[in-house]
Amino acid sequence: MNFLIPIKLAFKSLRNNLGRTILSLTGIVIGVTSVILVLSFGTGVKTFLVDQVSSFGSDIIEIEVKVPKVSKTSSQNTSGQVGGSQITTFKLEDAKKIAELQNVGAWYGAIMNQQIISYENKNKQVFIMGTTAGVSEADKKAEIESGVMFSEEDDDGLQQVIVLGSEVKKDFFGESEAVGKNVKVKGQTYRIVGVLKERGATGFFNFDGTVYIPLQTVQKKLAGIDYIQFAIFKIKDMEKLDLTILNAVDVLREQHDITDPEDDDFAVNSIVEVLEILDKVFFSVNLLLIALTSISLIVGGVGIMNVMYVSVTERIFEIGLKKSVGAKNSQILFQFLFEAIFITLLGGIIEFILGLGISKIGEIVAVSYGFNLKFSITWWSAVIGLGFSAITGIIFGYYPARKASLLSPMDALRKE
């Protein structure tokens, strides 16, 4: 029963000083809500990216061009290629050599291009994926809805055939049949041999707004190049993934006469490696953001400490009166400490509700822009938020509470 008395007194004090209680709550709510939202948004974005990467399948490796003498994951590699450093050494013959490896199954080589496609009086700028015929086997999501995918003979014969993404087909032909009709690409006539099923976007790339043309046709007739930008290979036995990557690296170094690994002009990536990198990146980013948002928690905690100091000062006579009638130091300490803890825990509950609301709004906004993001508040993020709240209350409420509990009854009564 004696244990409950300080709790009741703490509730009464908080209720009698409602304005001060609300001000104290505000700082904590802002701080903990920031932590919860950072965790929620970080988890949502990570899940989205993992889903996008995994949509290509977890049993593949990708080989792409790379700026020599820099890491494949470095900003120098990205900025070098964006800034115009064309790596032209990755050829179709290189991809064919890798495809001969024992643990490699279906594959395709590809380049990306942009062109204006015309049909009658309609024009549309689209991404052109120049690929070898194996794309429909290596990429199971590149499914044909009507017609067929072009063949290896079409690629070798530089045939002017095209497969439309579902969005391109609808823009030009609506609900009518497209297979067998012709469109113009760079002033050249291309016969439509197939239409892909609706696939949606992966990251910022819209597959439905893309068309597929045989790789060598794009190289010779549209882009005027003799190299490829990347190649995808399916792995038969994932237990031998690391060995297959090493074999692929050896093949390319032999093809490109490279003896020093620093001179590699290619990068071999596996989906497993990409997912591991994403884990490390998001772990580091979450730690950094939590550290930054925790500053607002500290500010809120300092606010609680100030409020508790004011509360102690205002209630010195009350404390002295209680101690003069038998209240123990521990009871006074617990009453003031509970006030601080209650404020922070209440703030944690409010931030949890706010976090849910803001996360749902974030999902709606993301969907409206075409991104299927889920900003859910996980149980561990809620535990972290409430834990931060309680710890903040204990840390910043203890010293004022201890000061109140150590007041001499006579000194306290003399203040009145």
Protein backbone atom coordinates (compact mmCIF):
# COMPACT_ATOMS: atom_id res chain seq x y z
CA MET A 1 0.00 0.00 0.00
CA ASN A 2 2.89 2.37 0.91
CA PHE A 3 4.32 1.72 -2.55
CA LEU A 4 1.16 3.08 -4.21
CA ILE A 5 1.05 6.35 -2.28
CA PRO A 6 3.96 8.03 -4.16
CA ILE A 7 2.40 6.97 -7.47
CA LYS A 8 -0.95 8.51 -6.54
CA LEU A 9 0.75 11.71 -5.38
CA ALA A 10 2.77 11.87 -8.62
CA PHE A 11 -0.40 11.56 -10.72
CA LYS A 12 -2.08 14.27 -8.66
CA SER A 13 0.88 16.61 -9.09
CA LEU A 14 1.00 16.08 -12.85
CA ARG A 15 -2.74 16.67 -13.12
CA ASN A 16 -2.54 19.87 -11.06
CA ASN A 17 0.26 21.19 -13.29
CA LEU A 18 -1.24 20.17 -16.64
CA GLY A 19 0.36 22.94 -18.69
CA ARG A 20 3.84 22.11 -17.46
CA THR A 21 3.21 18.41 -18.04
CA ILE A 22 2.14 19.03 -21.67
CA LEU A 23 5.22 21.17 -22.36
CA SER A 24 7.45 18.44 -20.96
CA LEU A 25 5.65 15.85 -23.08
CA THR A 26 6.15 17.82 -26.28
CA GLY A 27 9.94 17.60 -26.23
CA ILE A 28 9.92 13.87 -25.55
CA VAL A 29 7.22 13.18 -28.16
CA ILE A 30 9.21 14.99 -30.87
CA GLY A 31 12.41 13.17 -29.95
CA VAL A 32 11.04 9.65 -29.71
CA THR A 33 8.77 10.08 -32.75
CA SER A 34 11.88 11.00 -34.75
CA VAL A 35 13.63 7.81 -33.64
CA ILE A 36 10.58 5.63 -34.44
CA LEU A 37 10.05 7.22 -37.87
CA VAL A 38 13.72 6.89 -38.79
CA LEU A 39 13.58 3.16 -37.98
CA SER A 40 10.24 2.76 -39.76
CA PHE A 41 11.24 4.60 -42.93
CA GLY A 42 14.66 2.96 -42.97
CA THR A 43 13.14 -0.52 -42.70
CA GLY A 44 10.53 0.34 -45.35
CA VAL A 45 13.07 1.61 -47.86
CA LYS A 46 15.40 -1.33 -47.20
CA THR A 47 12.57 -3.84 -47.69
CA PHE A 48 11.56 -2.07 -50.90
CA LEU A 49 15.09 -2.17 -52.32
CA VAL A 50 15.62 -5.79 -51.27
CA ASP A 51 12.36 -6.77 -52.98
CA GLN A 52 13.38 -4.88 -56.12
CA VAL A 53 16.82 -6.50 -56.24
CA SER A 54 15.43 -9.95 -55.43
CA SER A 55 12.82 -9.62 -58.20
CA PHE A 56 15.56 -10.55 -60.68
CA GLY A 57 16.13 -13.80 -58.80
CA SER A 58 18.67 -14.72 -56.16
CA ASP A 59 20.41 -17.29 -58.38
CA ILE A 60 22.11 -14.91 -60.80
CA ILE A 61 25.36 -13.05 -61.25
CA GLU A 62 25.66 -9.81 -63.18
CA ILE A 63 28.74 -8.64 -65.00
CA GLU A 64 28.99 -4.96 -65.86
CA VAL A 65 31.65 -2.55 -67.02
CA LYS A 66 33.79 -0.76 -64.43
CA VAL A 67 36.31 2.07 -64.41
CA PRO A 68 39.79 0.49 -63.91
CA LYS A 69 41.79 1.09 -60.71
CA VAL A 70 38.74 1.96 -58.58
CA SER A 71 36.41 -0.19 -56.48
CA LYS A 72 33.21 -1.35 -58.17
CA THR A 73 31.17 0.12 -55.30
CA SER A 74 33.07 3.41 -55.16
CA SER A 75 31.71 6.82 -56.06
CA GLN A 76 34.63 7.20 -58.49
CA ASN A 77 33.30 4.28 -60.54
CA THR A 78 29.77 5.70 -60.65
CA SER A 79 30.82 9.29 -61.32
CA GLY A 80 33.36 8.15 -63.90
CA GLN A 81 30.73 6.36 -65.99
CA VAL A 82 28.11 9.06 -65.53
CA GLY A 83 30.72 11.67 -66.42
CA GLY A 84 31.35 10.09 -69.78
CA SER A 85 34.06 7.46 -69.22
CA GLN A 86 32.94 4.88 -71.78
CA ILE A 87 34.22 1.37 -71.09
CA THR A 88 34.04 -0.40 -74.45
CA THR A 89 36.00 -3.57 -73.72
CA PHE A 90 33.11 -5.84 -72.66
CA LYS A 91 32.10 -7.71 -75.81
CA LEU A 92 29.44 -10.27 -76.66
CA GLU A 93 32.23 -12.82 -77.17
CA ASP A 94 33.26 -12.33 -73.52
CA ALA A 95 29.74 -13.14 -72.35
CA LYS A 96 29.63 -16.22 -74.58
CA LYS A 97 32.90 -17.46 -73.04
CA ILE A 98 31.48 -17.10 -69.52
CA ALA A 99 28.29 -18.88 -70.63
CA GLU A 100 30.46 -21.93 -71.35
CA LEU A 101 31.29 -22.32 -67.64
CA GLN A 102 29.92 -25.55 -66.18
CA ASN A 103 27.82 -23.89 -63.46
CA VAL A 104 26.23 -21.26 -65.76
CA GLY A 105 22.76 -21.79 -67.20
CA ALA A 106 20.57 -19.36 -69.12
CA TRP A 107 22.08 -15.92 -69.83
CA TYR A 108 21.79 -12.76 -71.85
CA GLY A 109 23.96 -9.79 -72.75
CA ALA A 110 22.46 -6.33 -73.09
CA ILE A 111 22.84 -2.63 -73.77
CA MET A 112 20.45 0.21 -72.96
CA ASN A 113 19.45 2.87 -75.44
CA GLN A 114 16.82 5.58 -75.78
CA GLN A 115 14.96 6.29 -79.00
CA ILE A 116 11.74 7.80 -80.31
CA ILE A 117 9.28 5.13 -81.49
CA SER A 118 6.56 6.12 -83.95
CA TYR A 119 3.33 4.52 -85.06
CA GLU A 120 1.16 6.42 -87.54
CA ASN A 121 0.95 9.93 -86.00
CA LYS A 122 1.98 8.91 -82.44
CA ASN A 123 5.49 9.32 -81.05
CA LYS A 124 6.91 8.04 -77.77
CA GLN A 125 10.39 8.14 -76.29
CA VAL A 126 11.19 4.79 -74.73
CA PHE A 127 14.06 2.80 -73.28
CA ILE A 128 15.32 0.18 -75.69
CA MET A 129 16.78 -2.98 -74.20
CA GLY A 130 19.05 -4.55 -76.77
CA THR A 131 19.41 -8.17 -75.63
CA THR A 132 20.36 -11.60 -76.81
CA ALA A 133 17.56 -14.14 -77.28
CA GLY A 134 18.15 -15.78 -73.88
CA VAL A 135 16.52 -12.92 -71.99
CA SER A 136 13.18 -14.70 -71.59
CA GLU A 137 14.89 -17.74 -70.00
CA ALA A 138 17.30 -15.84 -67.74
CA ASP A 139 14.72 -13.23 -66.70
CA LYS A 140 11.57 -15.13 -65.76
CA LYS A 141 9.61 -11.89 -65.31
CA ALA A 142 10.07 -10.99 -68.97
CA GLU A 143 6.98 -13.01 -69.89
CA ILE A 144 5.34 -12.90 -73.29
CA GLU A 145 1.61 -12.12 -73.30
CA SER A 146 1.10 -12.39 -77.05
CA GLY A 147 3.38 -13.35 -79.92
CA VAL A 148 6.93 -14.57 -79.26
CA MET A 149 10.34 -13.35 -78.15
CA PHE A 150 12.81 -12.87 -81.00
CA SER A 151 15.17 -15.77 -81.70
CA GLU A 152 18.94 -16.20 -81.81
CA GLU A 153 18.66 -16.30 -85.59
CA ASP A 154 16.92 -12.89 -85.50
CA ASP A 155 19.83 -11.53 -83.45
CA ASP A 156 22.57 -13.02 -85.64
CA GLY A 157 20.73 -11.90 -88.80
CA LEU A 158 20.30 -8.30 -87.59
CA GLN A 159 16.54 -8.63 -88.04
CA GLN A 160 14.46 -5.51 -87.41
CA VAL A 161 11.98 -7.05 -84.99
CA ILE A 162 10.71 -5.65 -81.69
CA VAL A 163 8.91 -6.78 -78.53
CA LEU A 164 6.81 -4.12 -76.80
CA GLY A 165 6.36 -3.53 -73.09
CA SER A 166 2.70 -3.54 -72.01
CA GLU A 167 2.57 0.25 -71.49
CA VAL A 168 4.07 0.98 -74.91
CA LYS A 169 1.58 -1.39 -76.52
CA LYS A 170 -1.39 0.32 -74.82
CA ASP A 171 -0.15 3.79 -75.77
CA PHE A 172 0.08 2.89 -79.44
CA PHE A 173 -2.60 0.24 -79.95
CA GLY A 174 -4.96 0.37 -76.97
CA GLU A 175 -6.88 -2.90 -76.76
CA SER A 176 -6.33 -3.85 -80.42
CA GLU A 177 -3.76 -6.44 -81.57
CA ALA A 178 -0.18 -5.21 -81.99
CA VAL A 179 1.68 -8.34 -83.13
CA GLY A 180 2.38 -8.25 -86.87
CA LYS A 181 2.20 -4.46 -87.15
CA ASN A 182 5.15 -2.18 -87.81
CA VAL A 183 6.61 0.74 -85.88
CA LYS A 184 9.38 3.17 -86.77
CA VAL A 185 12.58 3.39 -84.73
CA LYS A 186 15.12 6.00 -85.85
CA GLY A 187 13.41 6.09 -89.23
CA GLN A 188 13.71 2.29 -89.64
CA THR A 189 10.77 -0.10 -89.83
CA TYR A 190 10.53 -2.74 -87.10
CA ARG A 191 7.99 -5.56 -87.08
CA ILE A 192 6.29 -6.30 -83.76
CA VAL A 193 6.72 -9.99 -82.93
CA GLY A 194 5.61 -9.96 -79.29
CA VAL A 195 4.10 -8.05 -76.39
CA LEU A 196 5.25 -8.52 -72.78
CA LYS A 197 2.98 -9.06 -69.80
CA GLU A 198 2.58 -6.16 -67.39
CA ARG A 199 5.52 -6.15 -64.99
CA GLY A 200 5.66 -2.77 -63.27
CA ALA A 201 8.69 -0.81 -62.16
CA THR A 202 11.83 -1.98 -60.41
CA GLY A 203 13.30 0.94 -58.51
CA PHE A 204 13.18 3.85 -60.92
CA PHE A 205 13.14 1.68 -64.04
CA ASN A 206 9.77 1.04 -65.72
CA PHE A 207 9.87 -2.26 -67.59
CA ASP A 208 6.41 -1.71 -69.04
CA GLY A 209 7.66 1.40 -70.83
CA THR A 210 10.57 -0.52 -72.39
CA VAL A 211 10.91 -2.34 -75.69
CA TYR A 212 13.22 -5.26 -76.52
CA ILE A 213 15.19 -5.45 -79.78
CA PRO A 214 17.87 -8.02 -80.72
CA LEU A 215 21.22 -6.96 -79.30
CA GLN A 216 23.24 -6.98 -82.51
CA THR A 217 20.51 -5.08 -84.34
CA VAL A 218 20.72 -2.32 -81.73
CA GLN A 219 24.53 -2.36 -81.83
CA LYS A 220 24.85 -2.12 -85.60
CA LYS A 221 21.73 -0.24 -86.72
CA LEU A 222 20.75 2.03 -83.81
CA ALA A 223 23.73 2.68 -81.50
CA GLY A 224 26.73 2.15 -83.78
CA ILE A 225 28.77 0.28 -81.17
CA ASP A 226 30.33 -3.18 -80.81
CA TYR A 227 30.31 -3.65 -77.02
CA ILE A 228 27.76 -4.55 -74.34
CA GLN A 229 27.11 -2.84 -71.01
CA PHE A 230 26.15 -5.80 -68.86
CA ALA A 231 25.29 -9.50 -68.90
CA ILE A 232 23.15 -11.66 -66.61
CA PHE A 233 23.91 -15.34 -65.91
CA LYS A 234 21.78 -17.82 -63.99
CA ILE A 235 23.67 -20.10 -61.61
CA LYS A 236 22.82 -23.80 -61.60
CA ASP A 237 24.25 -24.66 -58.17
CA MET A 238 24.34 -21.80 -55.63
CA GLU A 239 26.72 -23.84 -53.45
CA LYS A 240 29.35 -23.17 -56.13
CA LEU A 241 28.56 -19.45 -56.47
CA ASP A 242 31.93 -18.18 -55.19
CA LEU A 243 33.85 -20.58 -57.42
CA THR A 244 31.76 -19.56 -60.44
CA ILE A 245 32.48 -15.87 -59.77
CA LEU A 246 36.23 -16.61 -59.57
CA ASN A 247 36.04 -18.57 -62.84
CA ALA A 248 34.17 -15.70 -64.53
CA VAL A 249 36.80 -13.23 -63.33
CA ASP A 250 39.59 -15.48 -64.70
CA VAL A 251 37.84 -15.75 -68.08
CA LEU A 252 37.44 -11.98 -68.42
CA ARG A 253 41.01 -11.23 -67.35
CA GLU A 254 42.25 -13.70 -69.94
CA GLN A 255 39.94 -12.21 -72.60
CA HIS A 256 41.10 -8.67 -71.79
CA ASP A 257 44.80 -9.52 -71.23
CA ILE A 258 44.66 -8.25 -67.65
CA THR A 259 47.39 -9.40 -65.24
CA ASP A 260 46.91 -6.83 -62.48
CA PRO A 261 43.50 -6.97 -60.71
CA GLU A 262 43.72 -3.16 -60.34
CA ASP A 263 43.25 -2.94 -64.10
CA ASP A 264 39.93 -4.83 -64.10
CA ASP A 265 37.49 -3.03 -66.42
CA PHE A 266 34.56 -5.18 -65.29
CA ALA A 267 32.74 -6.04 -62.08
CA VAL A 268 31.14 -9.38 -61.20
CA ASN A 269 28.22 -9.01 -58.79
CA SER A 270 25.91 -11.54 -57.22
CA ILE A 271 22.49 -10.77 -55.77
CA VAL A 272 23.70 -12.29 -52.49
CA GLU A 273 26.56 -9.76 -52.41
CA VAL A 274 24.23 -6.88 -53.25
CA LEU A 275 21.88 -7.87 -50.40
CA GLU A 276 24.81 -8.05 -47.97
CA ILE A 277 25.92 -4.57 -49.05
CA LEU A 278 22.38 -3.25 -48.55
CA ASP A 279 22.34 -4.72 -45.02
CA LYS A 280 25.61 -3.02 -44.12
CA VAL A 281 24.63 0.31 -45.67
CA PHE A 282 21.24 0.49 -43.97
CA PHE A 283 22.67 -0.62 -40.63
CA SER A 284 25.21 2.20 -40.76
CA VAL A 285 22.67 4.75 -42.00
CA ASN A 286 20.16 3.78 -39.29
CA LEU A 287 22.82 4.12 -36.58
CA LEU A 288 23.78 7.56 -37.88
CA LEU A 289 20.19 8.78 -38.13
CA ILE A 290 19.31 7.42 -34.68
CA ALA A 291 22.35 9.21 -33.26
CA LEU A 292 21.24 12.46 -34.91
CA THR A 293 17.59 12.17 -33.84
CA SER A 294 18.68 11.25 -30.32
CA ILE A 295 19.87 14.84 -29.96
CA SER A 296 16.22 15.88 -29.77
CA LEU A 297 15.72 13.24 -27.06
CA ILE A 298 18.54 14.79 -25.05
CA VAL A 299 16.97 18.22 -25.52
CA GLY A 300 13.64 16.82 -24.32
CA GLY A 301 15.38 15.19 -21.35
CA VAL A 302 17.04 18.45 -20.37
CA GLY A 303 13.59 20.07 -20.55
CA ILE A 304 12.23 17.44 -18.16
CA MET A 305 15.15 18.03 -15.79
CA ASN A 306 14.46 21.76 -15.78
CA VAL A 307 10.75 21.18 -15.17
CA MET A 308 11.54 18.79 -12.32
CA TYR A 309 13.91 21.31 -10.76
CA VAL A 310 11.19 23.96 -10.93
CA SER A 311 8.74 21.46 -9.47
CA VAL A 312 11.09 20.68 -6.58
CA THR A 313 11.66 24.38 -5.89
CA GLU A 314 7.95 25.15 -5.93
CA ARG A 315 7.13 22.24 -3.63
CA ILE A 316 9.86 22.51 -1.00
CA PHE A 317 7.32 23.22 1.74
CA GLU A 318 5.17 20.29 0.58
CA ILE A 319 8.22 18.02 0.71
CA GLY A 320 9.11 19.24 4.21
CA LEU A 321 5.55 18.72 5.41
CA LYS A 322 5.46 15.17 4.08
CA LYS A 323 8.78 14.31 5.67
CA SER A 324 7.73 15.85 8.98
CA VAL A 325 4.76 13.46 9.16
CA GLY A 326 6.88 10.39 8.40
CA ALA A 327 7.46 10.26 4.63
CA LYS A 328 10.71 8.44 3.88
CA ASN A 329 13.45 9.67 1.55
CA SER A 330 12.76 6.73 -0.77
CA GLN A 331 9.07 7.68 -1.03
CA ILE A 332 9.89 11.28 -1.95
CA LEU A 333 12.53 10.07 -4.43
CA PHE A 334 10.12 7.61 -6.02
CA GLN A 335 7.32 10.18 -6.31
CA PHE A 336 9.42 12.70 -8.22
CA LEU A 337 11.19 10.02 -10.26
CA PHE A 338 7.85 8.49 -11.22
CA GLU A 339 6.61 11.87 -12.42
CA ALA A 340 9.55 12.04 -14.84
CA ILE A 341 9.18 8.42 -15.95
CA PHE A 342 5.43 8.78 -16.42
CA ILE A 343 5.89 11.87 -18.61
CA THR A 344 8.41 10.08 -20.83
CA LEU A 345 6.39 6.84 -21.05
CA LEU A 346 3.25 8.79 -21.91
CA GLY A 347 5.33 10.56 -24.53
CA GLY A 348 6.41 7.16 -25.84
CA ILE A 349 2.80 6.00 -26.18
CA ILE A 350 1.81 9.23 -27.94
CA GLU A 351 4.79 8.98 -30.31
CA PHE A 352 3.82 5.37 -31.13
CA ILE A 353 0.35 6.54 -32.17
CA LEU A 354 1.83 9.51 -34.06
CA GLY A 355 4.38 7.22 -35.70
CA LEU A 356 1.64 4.90 -36.94
CA GLY A 357 -0.27 7.83 -38.41
CA ILE A 358 2.71 9.46 -40.07
CA SER A 359 3.91 6.09 -41.43
CA LYS A 360 0.50 5.47 -43.04
CA ILE A 361 0.56 8.95 -44.57
CA GLY A 362 4.07 8.21 -45.86
CA GLU A 363 2.83 4.99 -47.48
CA ILE A 364 -0.05 6.81 -49.18
CA VAL A 365 2.29 9.51 -50.53
CA ALA A 366 4.80 6.88 -51.75
CA VAL A 367 2.07 4.87 -53.53
CA SER A 368 0.76 8.06 -55.17
CA TYR A 369 4.23 8.48 -56.73
CA GLY A 370 4.33 4.86 -57.88
CA PHE A 371 6.48 3.34 -55.11
CA ASN A 372 5.10 0.36 -53.21
CA LEU A 373 6.70 1.27 -49.88
CA LYS A 374 5.54 -0.11 -46.53
CA PHE A 375 6.49 2.02 -43.52
CA SER A 376 5.41 -0.35 -40.79
CA ILE A 377 6.37 0.15 -37.14
CA THR A 378 7.98 -3.10 -36.01
CA TRP A 379 7.78 -4.42 -32.45
CA TRP A 380 11.50 -3.82 -31.93
CA SER A 381 11.27 -0.18 -33.08
CA ALA A 382 8.39 0.32 -30.62
CA VAL A 383 10.48 -1.30 -27.86
CA ILE A 384 13.41 0.95 -28.72
CA GLY A 385 11.15 4.02 -28.67
CA LEU A 386 9.53 3.17 -25.34
CA GLY A 387 12.90 2.11 -23.94
CA PHE A 388 14.41 5.44 -24.93
CA SER A 389 11.47 7.16 -23.24
CA ALA A 390 11.89 5.30 -19.95
CA ILE A 391 15.69 5.68 -19.91
CA THR A 392 15.38 9.41 -20.63
CA GLY A 393 12.93 9.78 -17.73
CA ILE A 394 15.20 7.88 -15.33
CA ILE A 395 18.42 9.64 -16.35
CA PHE A 396 17.08 13.19 -16.39
CA GLY A 397 14.59 12.76 -13.57
CA TYR A 398 16.82 11.06 -11.03
CA TYR A 399 18.98 13.98 -9.92
CA PRO A 400 16.11 16.43 -9.23
CA ALA A 401 14.19 13.62 -7.49
CA ARG A 402 17.20 12.73 -5.35
CA LYS A 403 17.70 16.38 -4.46
CA ALA A 404 14.06 16.54 -3.32
CA SER A 405 14.39 13.37 -1.23
CA LEU A 406 17.47 14.66 0.62
CA LEU A 407 15.88 17.94 1.74
CA SER A 408 15.85 18.44 5.52
CA PRO A 409 12.27 18.71 6.88
CA MET A 410 13.18 21.73 9.01
CA ASP A 411 14.92 23.57 6.15
CA ALA A 412 12.00 22.80 3.83
CA LEU A 413 9.36 24.05 6.31
CA ARG A 414 11.44 27.16 7.01
CA LYS A 415 11.17 28.08 3.25
CA GLU A 416 7.46 28.77 3.75
